[in-house]
N, C-alpha and C. Protein backbone atom coordinates (compact mmCIF):
# COMPACT_ATOMS: atom_id res chain seq x y z
N ILE A 1 318.34 -119.29 -90.04
CA ILE A 1 316.75 -119.05 -89.85
C ILE A 1 316.59 -117.83 -89.76
N VAL A 2 316.05 -116.81 -89.64
CA VAL A 2 316.20 -115.45 -89.32
C VAL A 2 314.71 -115.47 -88.10
N PHE A 3 314.94 -114.79 -87.09
CA PHE A 3 314.28 -114.41 -86.38
C PHE A 3 313.82 -113.27 -86.72
N LEU A 4 312.58 -113.12 -86.35
CA LEU A 4 311.85 -110.69 -86.32
C LEU A 4 311.15 -110.70 -85.19
N MET A 5 311.40 -109.51 -85.52
CA MET A 5 310.84 -109.01 -83.85
C MET A 5 309.24 -108.44 -84.80
N PRO A 6 308.90 -109.26 -83.76
CA PRO A 6 306.98 -108.83 -83.37
C PRO A 6 306.51 -106.88 -83.58
N PRO A 7 305.87 -106.62 -84.40
CA PRO A 7 305.96 -105.01 -84.27
C PRO A 7 305.03 -104.76 -83.48
N ARG A 8 305.56 -102.58 -82.85
CA ARG A 8 304.37 -103.27 -82.69
C ARG A 8 302.93 -102.20 -82.66
N LEU A 9 301.77 -102.91 -81.69
CA LEU A 9 300.58 -102.40 -82.55
C LEU A 9 300.32 -102.00 -81.49
N PRO A 10 299.32 -100.65 -82.33
CA PRO A 10 298.85 -99.64 -81.71
C PRO A 10 297.08 -100.68 -80.16
N LYS A 11 297.14 -99.80 -79.15
CA LYS A 11 296.32 -100.52 -77.86
C LYS A 11 295.23 -100.75 -78.93
N LYS A 12 294.52 -99.62 -79.98
CA LYS A 12 293.21 -99.98 -79.98
C LYS A 12 292.95 -101.59 -80.51
N LEU A 13 293.93 -101.60 -81.39
CA LEU A 13 293.98 -103.01 -82.47
C LEU A 13 293.37 -104.31 -80.70
N ILE A 14 292.78 -104.38 -80.39
CA ILE A 14 292.13 -105.64 -79.76
C ILE A 14 291.14 -106.43 -80.90
N PRO A 15 291.83 -107.32 -81.26
CA PRO A 15 290.77 -108.75 -81.86
C PRO A 15 289.55 -109.07 -81.05
N ASP A 16 288.48 -109.27 -82.63
CA ASP A 16 287.17 -109.32 -82.19
C ASP A 16 287.46 -111.10 -82.02
N ARG A 17 288.44 -111.80 -82.67
CA ARG A 17 288.68 -113.02 -82.38
C ARG A 17 289.92 -113.00 -82.52
N GLY A 18 290.07 -114.83 -82.44
CA GLY A 18 291.60 -115.07 -81.83
C GLY A 18 293.12 -113.98 -80.51
N SER A 19 294.17 -113.93 -81.78
CA SER A 19 294.96 -113.58 -80.69
C SER A 19 294.98 -111.41 -81.21
N ARG A 20 295.93 -110.72 -81.04
CA ARG A 20 296.65 -110.07 -81.23
C ARG A 20 297.43 -109.69 -82.23
N GLY A 21 298.26 -111.72 -82.11
CA GLY A 21 298.86 -111.74 -83.53
C GLY A 21 298.66 -111.83 -84.40
N GLN A 22 297.31 -112.14 -84.93
CA GLN A 22 297.10 -111.05 -86.03
C GLN A 22 296.81 -110.08 -86.70
N TYR A 23 296.84 -109.04 -86.01
CA TYR A 23 297.18 -107.86 -86.71
C TYR A 23 298.83 -107.47 -87.27
N TYR A 24 299.26 -108.29 -86.83
CA TYR A 24 301.27 -108.66 -87.48
C TYR A 24 301.22 -108.55 -88.39
N ARG A 25 300.01 -108.98 -89.65
CA ARG A 25 300.90 -108.82 -90.88
C ARG A 25 300.22 -107.66 -91.77
N LEU A 26 299.58 -106.74 -91.35
CA LEU A 26 299.73 -104.86 -91.68
C LEU A 26 301.15 -104.62 -91.18
N PHE A 27 301.82 -104.96 -90.43
CA PHE A 27 302.74 -103.93 -90.55
C PHE A 27 304.06 -104.48 -91.72
N ILE A 28 303.31 -104.97 -92.29
CA ILE A 28 305.46 -105.37 -93.39
C ILE A 28 306.25 -105.28 -93.77
N GLU A 29 305.77 -103.79 -93.53
CA GLU A 29 307.21 -102.45 -93.45
C GLU A 29 308.05 -102.54 -92.41
N ASP A 30 308.07 -103.30 -91.29
CA ASP A 30 308.30 -102.79 -89.72
C ASP A 30 308.65 -103.50 -90.39
N ILE A 31 307.88 -104.92 -89.88
CA ILE A 31 309.05 -106.51 -90.19
C ILE A 31 310.19 -106.64 -90.41
N PHE A 32 309.89 -106.63 -92.18
CA PHE A 32 310.79 -106.49 -93.47
C PHE A 32 312.11 -105.36 -93.36
N GLN A 33 312.15 -104.56 -92.23
CA GLN A 33 312.85 -103.36 -92.66
C GLN A 33 313.82 -103.51 -93.28
N ASN A 34 314.86 -104.44 -92.43
CA ASN A 34 316.36 -104.42 -92.42
C ASN A 34 316.43 -105.72 -93.70
N ILE A 35 315.35 -106.35 -94.23
CA ILE A 35 315.80 -107.69 -94.63
C ILE A 35 315.36 -107.06 -96.45
N ASP A 36 316.16 -107.40 -96.98
CA ASP A 36 315.98 -107.57 -97.95
C ASP A 36 315.20 -109.23 -99.27
N ILE A 37 313.76 -109.05 -99.25
CA ILE A 37 313.34 -109.93 -99.63
C ILE A 37 311.89 -109.20 -100.71
N GLN A 38 311.47 -109.73 -101.72
CA GLN A 38 310.84 -109.65 -102.79
C GLN A 38 309.70 -109.78 -102.35
N ARG A 39 309.12 -111.14 -102.02
CA ARG A 39 308.07 -111.57 -101.86
C ARG A 39 307.90 -112.34 -100.51
N VAL A 40 306.85 -112.30 -100.15
CA VAL A 40 305.55 -113.28 -98.81
C VAL A 40 305.33 -114.15 -99.30
N LEU A 41 305.10 -115.36 -98.89
CA LEU A 41 304.03 -116.14 -98.87
C LEU A 41 303.44 -116.26 -97.40
N TYR A 42 301.88 -115.40 -97.01
CA TYR A 42 301.34 -115.19 -95.27
C TYR A 42 300.44 -116.40 -95.63
N LEU A 43 300.69 -117.23 -94.44
CA LEU A 43 299.48 -118.86 -94.16
C LEU A 43 299.12 -118.35 -92.93
N ASP A 44 297.40 -118.70 -92.86
CA ASP A 44 297.77 -118.34 -91.28
C ASP A 44 297.19 -120.01 -90.96
N ALA A 45 297.79 -119.86 -89.46
CA ALA A 45 298.32 -121.02 -88.67
C ALA A 45 296.60 -122.62 -89.24
N ASP A 46 295.95 -121.88 -89.38
CA ASP A 46 294.86 -123.07 -90.08
C ASP A 46 294.12 -123.92 -91.11
N THR A 47 295.52 -123.24 -92.29
CA THR A 47 295.13 -123.80 -93.67
C THR A 47 296.68 -124.97 -93.56
N LEU A 48 296.17 -125.61 -94.95
CA LEU A 48 296.24 -127.02 -94.67
C LEU A 48 297.01 -127.07 -96.24
N ILE A 49 298.71 -127.10 -96.08
CA ILE A 49 299.39 -127.61 -98.15
C ILE A 49 299.03 -128.69 -98.73
N MET A 50 298.17 -128.79 -99.96
CA MET A 50 297.64 -130.13 -100.36
C MET A 50 299.18 -130.19 -101.35
N ASN A 51 299.30 -129.47 -102.38
CA ASN A 51 300.59 -129.88 -103.07
C ASN A 51 301.72 -129.30 -103.62
N LYS A 52 302.14 -129.65 -104.10
CA LYS A 52 303.61 -128.39 -103.94
C LYS A 52 303.26 -127.33 -105.66
N ASP A 53 301.61 -127.19 -105.79
CA ASP A 53 301.72 -126.90 -106.89
C ASP A 53 301.34 -124.92 -105.94
N ILE A 54 301.35 -124.87 -104.64
CA ILE A 54 301.77 -123.25 -104.22
C ILE A 54 302.55 -122.83 -104.84
N GLN A 55 303.92 -123.23 -105.30
CA GLN A 55 305.19 -122.86 -105.45
C GLN A 55 304.89 -121.82 -106.83
N ARG A 56 303.06 -122.16 -107.73
CA ARG A 56 303.47 -120.82 -108.54
C ARG A 56 303.01 -119.76 -107.93
N LEU A 57 303.08 -119.61 -106.64
CA LEU A 57 302.37 -117.84 -105.86
C LEU A 57 303.46 -117.27 -105.54
N GLU A 58 305.24 -118.13 -106.37
CA GLU A 58 306.43 -117.16 -106.13
C GLU A 58 306.66 -117.01 -106.94
N THR A 59 305.70 -117.18 -108.06
CA THR A 59 306.04 -116.48 -109.59
C THR A 59 305.44 -116.00 -110.16
N MET A 60 304.19 -116.37 -110.19
CA MET A 60 302.84 -115.62 -110.79
C MET A 60 302.77 -113.99 -110.26
N SER A 61 303.43 -113.72 -111.79
CA SER A 61 302.87 -112.25 -111.50
C SER A 61 301.61 -111.01 -110.59
N LEU A 62 301.81 -110.24 -110.32
CA LEU A 62 300.64 -109.37 -109.46
C LEU A 62 300.25 -108.54 -109.97
N GLN A 63 300.60 -108.06 -111.67
CA GLN A 63 300.83 -107.58 -111.75
C GLN A 63 300.29 -105.90 -111.39
N GLY A 64 300.93 -105.49 -111.11
CA GLY A 64 301.36 -104.59 -110.15
C GLY A 64 301.07 -103.96 -108.95
N LYS A 65 299.95 -105.45 -107.99
CA LYS A 65 298.65 -105.34 -107.22
C LYS A 65 300.80 -105.71 -106.15
N CYS A 66 299.95 -104.91 -104.80
CA CYS A 66 301.41 -105.36 -103.31
C CYS A 66 300.72 -106.85 -103.01
N LEU A 67 299.18 -107.14 -103.06
CA LEU A 67 298.48 -108.20 -102.99
C LEU A 67 297.93 -109.63 -103.94
N GLY A 68 298.40 -110.76 -103.39
CA GLY A 68 297.78 -111.79 -104.49
C GLY A 68 297.12 -112.44 -103.11
N VAL A 69 295.85 -112.67 -104.28
CA VAL A 69 294.56 -112.96 -102.53
C VAL A 69 293.49 -113.76 -103.00
N CYS A 70 292.28 -114.61 -102.12
CA CYS A 70 291.37 -114.91 -103.02
C CYS A 70 290.50 -114.81 -102.50
N LEU A 71 289.02 -114.19 -102.93
CA LEU A 71 287.84 -113.75 -102.95
C LEU A 71 287.32 -114.65 -101.51
N ASP A 72 286.03 -113.98 -101.07
CA ASP A 72 285.52 -114.20 -99.82
C ASP A 72 284.07 -114.35 -100.25
N PRO A 73 283.90 -115.62 -100.12
CA PRO A 73 282.43 -115.10 -100.10
C PRO A 73 281.06 -113.81 -99.15
N TRP A 74 280.71 -112.71 -99.88
CA TRP A 74 280.58 -111.82 -98.28
C TRP A 74 278.81 -110.45 -99.10
N SER A 75 278.84 -110.63 -98.01
CA SER A 75 277.10 -109.28 -98.51
C SER A 75 277.48 -107.89 -98.92
N ILE A 76 276.27 -107.79 -99.35
CA ILE A 76 276.60 -106.14 -99.17
C ILE A 76 276.53 -105.32 -98.30
N ARG A 77 275.88 -105.75 -96.72
CA ARG A 77 275.31 -106.15 -95.92
C ARG A 77 276.62 -106.18 -94.92
N TYR A 78 278.09 -106.62 -95.89
CA TYR A 78 278.94 -106.99 -95.18
C TYR A 78 279.73 -106.09 -95.04
N ARG A 79 279.69 -105.66 -96.47
CA ARG A 79 280.69 -104.35 -97.15
C ARG A 79 280.35 -103.48 -96.42
N ASP A 80 278.86 -102.89 -96.29
CA ASP A 80 278.93 -101.60 -95.22
C ASP A 80 279.13 -102.00 -94.17
N ALA A 81 279.37 -103.24 -93.28
CA ALA A 81 280.14 -103.23 -91.56
C ALA A 81 281.83 -102.56 -92.34
N LEU A 82 282.22 -103.15 -93.61
CA LEU A 82 283.96 -103.13 -93.54
C LEU A 82 283.83 -101.22 -93.60
N ASP A 83 283.27 -100.86 -93.93
CA ASP A 83 283.09 -99.77 -95.25
C ASP A 83 283.17 -99.79 -95.96
N LEU A 84 283.56 -100.48 -97.05
CA LEU A 84 283.48 -100.56 -98.44
C LEU A 84 282.51 -100.35 -99.38
N HIS A 85 282.57 -99.69 -100.66
CA HIS A 85 281.94 -99.71 -101.37
C HIS A 85 281.26 -100.66 -101.90
N LYS A 86 279.70 -101.24 -101.99
CA LYS A 86 279.13 -102.11 -101.94
C LYS A 86 279.38 -103.11 -102.69
N ASN A 87 280.58 -103.09 -104.69
CA ASN A 87 281.04 -103.65 -105.46
C ASN A 87 281.75 -104.08 -105.58
N SER A 88 282.72 -103.66 -104.72
CA SER A 88 284.28 -103.75 -103.94
C SER A 88 284.15 -105.25 -103.61
N PRO A 89 285.38 -106.31 -104.64
CA PRO A 89 285.50 -107.51 -103.89
C PRO A 89 285.83 -107.73 -102.25
N ILE A 90 285.32 -107.94 -101.47
CA ILE A 90 286.49 -108.68 -100.53
C ILE A 90 286.65 -110.15 -100.46
N PHE A 91 288.47 -110.19 -100.08
CA PHE A 91 288.66 -111.18 -99.86
C PHE A 91 289.95 -111.80 -99.10
N ASN A 92 289.86 -112.80 -98.45
CA ASN A 92 290.21 -113.70 -97.39
C ASN A 92 291.88 -113.71 -97.25
N SER A 93 292.28 -112.59 -95.73
CA SER A 93 293.37 -112.77 -95.73
C SER A 93 294.65 -113.77 -95.12
N GLY A 94 294.10 -114.71 -95.12
CA GLY A 94 294.64 -116.34 -94.30
C GLY A 94 295.65 -116.69 -95.65
N VAL A 95 295.37 -116.67 -96.45
CA VAL A 95 296.84 -116.95 -97.83
C VAL A 95 296.65 -115.64 -98.60
N MET A 96 297.84 -115.10 -98.15
CA MET A 96 297.93 -113.45 -99.13
C MET A 96 299.48 -113.58 -99.75
N VAL A 97 300.06 -113.88 -101.26
CA VAL A 97 301.56 -113.51 -101.54
C VAL A 97 301.94 -111.98 -101.37
N ILE A 98 302.66 -111.51 -100.85
CA ILE A 98 302.77 -110.16 -100.64
C ILE A 98 303.66 -109.54 -101.57
N ASP A 99 304.40 -108.89 -102.07
CA ASP A 99 305.61 -107.87 -102.82
C ASP A 99 305.38 -106.99 -101.88
N VAL A 100 306.96 -106.97 -101.06
CA VAL A 100 307.65 -107.04 -99.93
C VAL A 100 307.46 -105.45 -100.30
N ASN A 101 308.72 -105.38 -101.41
CA ASN A 101 309.03 -104.05 -101.93
C ASN A 101 308.10 -102.98 -102.34
N LEU A 102 306.92 -104.22 -102.88
CA LEU A 102 305.60 -102.58 -103.58
C LEU A 102 305.02 -102.18 -102.25
N TRP A 103 304.77 -102.58 -101.44
CA TRP A 103 303.82 -102.83 -100.15
C TRP A 103 305.04 -101.10 -99.78
N LYS A 104 306.33 -101.31 -99.38
CA LYS A 104 307.08 -100.92 -98.93
C LYS A 104 307.55 -99.06 -99.50
N LYS A 105 306.75 -99.85 -100.82
CA LYS A 105 307.65 -98.61 -102.09
C LYS A 105 305.93 -97.89 -101.61
N GLU A 106 305.51 -98.15 -101.48
CA GLU A 106 303.90 -97.60 -101.78
C GLU A 106 302.71 -97.22 -100.28
N ALA A 107 304.15 -97.15 -99.39
CA ALA A 107 304.04 -96.48 -98.29
C ALA A 107 302.79 -96.96 -97.31
N ILE A 108 302.38 -98.57 -97.82
CA ILE A 108 301.17 -99.09 -96.77
C ILE A 108 301.40 -99.38 -95.07
N GLY A 109 302.09 -99.15 -95.00
CA GLY A 109 302.00 -98.58 -93.40
C GLY A 109 301.44 -97.67 -93.24
N LYS A 110 301.76 -96.26 -94.14
CA LYS A 110 301.18 -94.97 -93.54
C LYS A 110 299.42 -95.29 -93.52
N LYS A 111 299.69 -96.40 -94.60
CA LYS A 111 298.07 -96.17 -95.13
C LYS A 111 296.95 -96.96 -93.95
N VAL A 112 297.47 -97.84 -94.13
CA VAL A 112 297.54 -98.66 -92.55
C VAL A 112 297.32 -97.74 -91.55
N ALA A 113 298.16 -96.93 -90.62
CA ALA A 113 298.10 -96.59 -89.88
C ALA A 113 296.83 -95.27 -89.39
N GLN A 114 296.39 -94.76 -91.24
CA GLN A 114 295.26 -93.34 -91.21
C GLN A 114 293.93 -95.17 -91.11
N ASP A 115 294.43 -95.65 -91.65
CA ASP A 115 292.41 -96.84 -91.25
C ASP A 115 292.70 -96.86 -89.93
N ILE A 116 293.44 -97.16 -89.62
CA ILE A 116 293.66 -97.66 -87.49
C ILE A 116 293.54 -95.95 -86.97
N ASN A 117 293.73 -95.37 -87.51
CA ASN A 117 293.80 -93.82 -86.72
C ASN A 117 292.09 -93.46 -86.90
N SER A 118 291.43 -93.50 -88.10
CA SER A 118 289.97 -93.74 -88.18
C SER A 118 288.59 -94.30 -88.15
N HIS A 119 289.40 -95.16 -87.42
CA HIS A 119 287.91 -95.68 -86.80
C HIS A 119 288.57 -97.04 -85.62
N GLU A 120 286.89 -97.26 -84.74
CA GLU A 120 287.53 -97.67 -83.33
C GLU A 120 287.07 -98.83 -83.47
N LEU A 121 285.79 -99.03 -84.27
CA LEU A 121 285.76 -101.05 -84.00
C LEU A 121 286.79 -101.27 -85.73
N PHE A 122 286.85 -103.08 -85.03
CA PHE A 122 287.58 -103.26 -86.01
C PHE A 122 286.67 -104.83 -86.46
N TYR A 123 286.11 -104.51 -86.72
CA TYR A 123 285.27 -106.15 -87.02
C TYR A 123 286.08 -106.04 -88.63
N GLN A 124 286.54 -108.04 -87.91
CA GLN A 124 287.14 -109.27 -88.83
C GLN A 124 288.93 -109.01 -88.49
N GLY A 125 289.28 -107.89 -87.30
CA GLY A 125 290.37 -108.27 -87.17
C GLY A 125 290.93 -107.00 -88.24
N ASP A 126 291.85 -108.16 -88.49
CA ASP A 126 292.92 -107.11 -90.16
C ASP A 126 292.31 -107.61 -90.90
N GLN A 127 291.05 -108.06 -91.35
CA GLN A 127 290.98 -108.73 -92.91
C GLN A 127 290.57 -107.89 -93.53
N GLY A 128 289.50 -106.85 -92.16
CA GLY A 128 288.78 -105.28 -92.19
C GLY A 128 289.68 -104.27 -92.48
N ILE A 129 290.61 -104.68 -92.75
CA ILE A 129 292.06 -103.43 -92.52
C ILE A 129 292.02 -103.01 -93.39
N LEU A 130 292.53 -104.45 -93.80
CA LEU A 130 293.18 -104.75 -95.40
C LEU A 130 292.15 -104.32 -95.99
N ASN A 131 291.28 -105.20 -96.48
CA ASN A 131 290.54 -105.07 -97.03
C ASN A 131 290.03 -103.31 -97.59
N ARG A 132 290.28 -102.62 -96.02
CA ARG A 132 289.80 -100.94 -96.55
C ARG A 132 291.52 -100.06 -97.31
N VAL A 133 291.82 -101.14 -97.20
CA VAL A 133 293.45 -100.77 -97.50
C VAL A 133 293.92 -100.83 -98.75
N PHE A 134 292.91 -101.93 -99.33
CA PHE A 134 293.62 -102.83 -100.14
C PHE A 134 292.09 -102.72 -101.38
N GLU A 135 290.92 -101.20 -100.83
CA GLU A 135 289.99 -101.76 -102.14
C GLU A 135 290.13 -101.55 -103.21
N ASN A 136 289.21 -102.40 -104.07
CA ASN A 136 289.76 -102.82 -105.43
C ASN A 136 291.20 -102.00 -105.84
N ASN A 137 291.92 -103.09 -104.90
CA ASN A 137 293.00 -103.21 -105.10
C ASN A 137 294.34 -104.13 -105.30
N ILE A 138 293.83 -105.42 -105.79
CA ILE A 138 294.58 -106.55 -105.37
C ILE A 138 294.13 -107.40 -106.53
N MET A 139 294.97 -108.79 -106.37
CA MET A 139 295.65 -109.02 -107.59
C MET A 139 293.98 -110.69 -107.04
N VAL A 140 293.46 -111.30 -107.96
CA VAL A 140 292.62 -111.95 -107.51
C VAL A 140 293.61 -113.53 -108.27
N VAL A 141 293.75 -113.29 -107.31
CA VAL A 141 294.49 -115.33 -107.65
C VAL A 141 293.46 -116.48 -107.29
N SER A 142 293.71 -117.53 -108.00
CA SER A 142 292.78 -119.03 -108.43
C SER A 142 292.37 -119.03 -106.63
N ALA A 143 291.00 -119.75 -106.51
CA ALA A 143 290.44 -119.93 -105.47
C ALA A 143 291.01 -120.79 -104.73
N GLN A 144 292.08 -122.10 -106.09
CA GLN A 144 292.28 -123.90 -105.54
C GLN A 144 293.58 -122.93 -104.19
N PHE A 145 293.54 -121.31 -103.97
CA PHE A 145 294.96 -120.82 -103.27
C PHE A 145 294.29 -120.17 -101.50
N ASN A 146 293.09 -121.03 -101.37
CA ASN A 146 292.67 -120.77 -100.47
C ASN A 146 291.04 -121.11 -99.91
N VAL A 147 290.92 -122.90 -100.01
CA VAL A 147 289.68 -123.23 -100.63
C VAL A 147 289.71 -123.07 -99.02
N LEU A 148 288.22 -122.22 -98.75
CA LEU A 148 287.87 -122.17 -96.96
C LEU A 148 286.30 -123.53 -96.71
N ASP A 149 286.57 -123.39 -95.48
CA ASP A 149 286.05 -124.58 -94.86
C ASP A 149 284.56 -124.74 -95.82
N ILE A 150 284.63 -123.83 -95.46
CA ILE A 150 282.59 -123.24 -96.40
C ILE A 150 282.33 -123.73 -97.73
N TYR A 151 283.14 -124.04 -98.53
CA TYR A 151 282.63 -125.04 -100.27
C TYR A 151 283.08 -126.69 -99.92
N PHE A 152 283.13 -127.29 -98.75
CA PHE A 152 283.04 -128.03 -98.63
C PHE A 152 281.73 -128.34 -97.59
N SER A 153 281.23 -127.66 -97.16
CA SER A 153 280.15 -128.43 -95.91
C SER A 153 278.43 -127.24 -96.41
N MET A 154 278.76 -126.62 -97.50
CA MET A 154 278.18 -126.66 -98.22
C MET A 154 278.15 -126.32 -100.00
N SER A 155 276.59 -127.08 -100.81
CA SER A 155 277.04 -126.58 -102.27
C SER A 155 277.03 -125.00 -102.21
N TYR A 156 277.52 -124.34 -103.60
CA TYR A 156 277.70 -123.67 -103.80
C TYR A 156 276.18 -122.74 -104.07
N HIS A 157 275.21 -123.56 -104.00
CA HIS A 157 274.41 -122.48 -104.50
C HIS A 157 273.49 -122.16 -103.01
N ASP A 158 273.48 -122.97 -101.62
CA ASP A 158 273.55 -122.96 -100.28
C ASP A 158 274.54 -121.94 -99.92
N MET A 159 275.90 -121.66 -100.14
CA MET A 159 276.72 -120.70 -99.57
C MET A 159 276.60 -119.53 -100.23
N MET A 160 275.77 -119.53 -101.14
CA MET A 160 275.46 -118.46 -102.31
C MET A 160 274.14 -117.39 -101.75
N LYS A 161 273.17 -118.35 -101.57
CA LYS A 161 271.56 -117.87 -100.20
C LYS A 161 271.92 -117.49 -99.32
N TYR A 162 273.32 -118.37 -98.32
CA TYR A 162 273.19 -118.73 -97.12
C TYR A 162 274.45 -116.31 -96.77
N ARG A 163 275.08 -116.80 -97.96
CA ARG A 163 276.15 -115.82 -97.71
C ARG A 163 276.22 -114.09 -98.75
N LYS A 164 274.49 -114.48 -99.44
CA LYS A 164 274.45 -113.38 -99.86
C LYS A 164 275.37 -112.97 -100.99
N ALA A 165 276.39 -114.03 -101.10
CA ALA A 165 277.41 -113.08 -101.87
C ALA A 165 277.71 -112.61 -103.44
N VAL A 166 279.16 -110.76 -102.72
CA VAL A 166 278.80 -110.70 -104.57
C VAL A 166 280.13 -110.16 -104.54
N HIS A 167 280.28 -110.42 -106.09
CA HIS A 167 282.10 -110.38 -106.80
C HIS A 167 282.14 -111.96 -105.98
N PHE A 168 281.91 -112.36 -106.52
CA PHE A 168 282.69 -113.66 -105.84
C PHE A 168 282.67 -114.42 -106.95
N TYR A 169 283.87 -116.34 -106.78
CA TYR A 169 283.44 -116.82 -108.27
C TYR A 169 282.65 -117.63 -108.82
N ASP A 170 282.95 -117.45 -109.70
CA ASP A 170 281.69 -118.88 -110.40
C ASP A 170 281.69 -120.31 -109.72
N GLU A 171 280.31 -120.40 -110.20
CA GLU A 171 280.10 -121.49 -109.47
C GLU A 171 281.04 -122.97 -110.47
N TYR A 172 281.76 -122.77 -111.25
CA TYR A 172 283.17 -123.39 -112.31
C TYR A 172 284.17 -123.77 -110.95
N GLU A 173 284.16 -122.57 -110.73
CA GLU A 173 285.78 -122.39 -109.91
C GLU A 173 285.73 -122.71 -108.89
N THR A 174 284.33 -122.66 -107.65
CA THR A 174 284.35 -122.93 -106.65
C THR A 174 284.56 -124.45 -106.44
N ASN A 175 283.32 -124.70 -107.35
CA ASN A 175 283.71 -126.54 -107.36
C ASN A 175 284.97 -127.56 -108.04
N ASN A 176 285.97 -126.22 -109.11
CA ASN A 176 286.44 -127.48 -109.46
C ASN A 176 287.25 -127.32 -108.41
N CYS A 177 287.68 -126.11 -107.60
CA CYS A 177 288.79 -126.55 -106.70
C CYS A 177 288.72 -127.26 -105.44
N LEU A 178 287.68 -127.80 -105.16
CA LEU A 178 286.54 -128.71 -104.20
C LEU A 178 288.25 -129.49 -104.67
N THR A 179 288.02 -130.22 -105.99
CA THR A 179 288.66 -131.40 -107.09
C THR A 179 290.14 -131.82 -106.41
N SER A 180 291.06 -130.67 -106.65
CA SER A 180 292.01 -130.31 -106.25
C SER A 180 292.70 -128.49 -106.14
N PRO A 181 292.32 -128.79 -104.26
CA PRO A 181 292.88 -127.86 -104.35
C PRO A 181 294.62 -127.58 -103.78
N ASN A 182 294.98 -126.24 -103.42
CA ASN A 182 296.04 -126.20 -102.99
C ASN A 182 296.72 -126.04 -101.91
N ILE A 183 295.98 -125.03 -101.43
CA ILE A 183 295.56 -124.66 -100.14
C ILE A 183 294.32 -125.07 -98.90
N VAL A 184 294.17 -125.60 -98.47
CA VAL A 184 292.80 -125.81 -97.58
C VAL A 184 292.62 -124.86 -96.53
N HIS A 185 291.64 -123.66 -96.10
CA HIS A 185 291.36 -123.23 -95.44
C HIS A 185 290.65 -122.99 -94.52
N PHE A 186 290.89 -123.05 -93.05
CA PHE A 186 289.82 -124.31 -91.96
C PHE A 186 290.10 -122.78 -91.05
């Protein structure tokens, strides 16, 4: 067991929900600066691993991207609130495959710092920051690896109508992940 020190957070990072700890994943470079590790699987505390297929996340190609993530069903208005282009995919930061070496090589920490310095309000905490920093620069993985609770409580059509989702999984992919989820995210 290796105990990692939490990073120092800028004072302006006040959570809109949850704790300040949600921002730790923004500081991967700091957390793993003296540890030689290639890949990290980040999981929110409100996730449930359903089967061993998550091992695929360890070896899957991220196609030269720092992050392997699942899409989140949000509208154009949500993209406006996050300062994203209207067609940009929005991902959920509750399950992320992180290429730590590439994160360091591409100096993502500096990009995160620039984003924090250029904003006063942070919607969706770290998730908004990560979506801006990695806008259109992610590897989208199967929805089975981050099955959101909304998938269970609404039909695909109702969810699309309610959330007015843009750039999201198709109905087949979304419904298929309900019968064989790898990770459920509450």
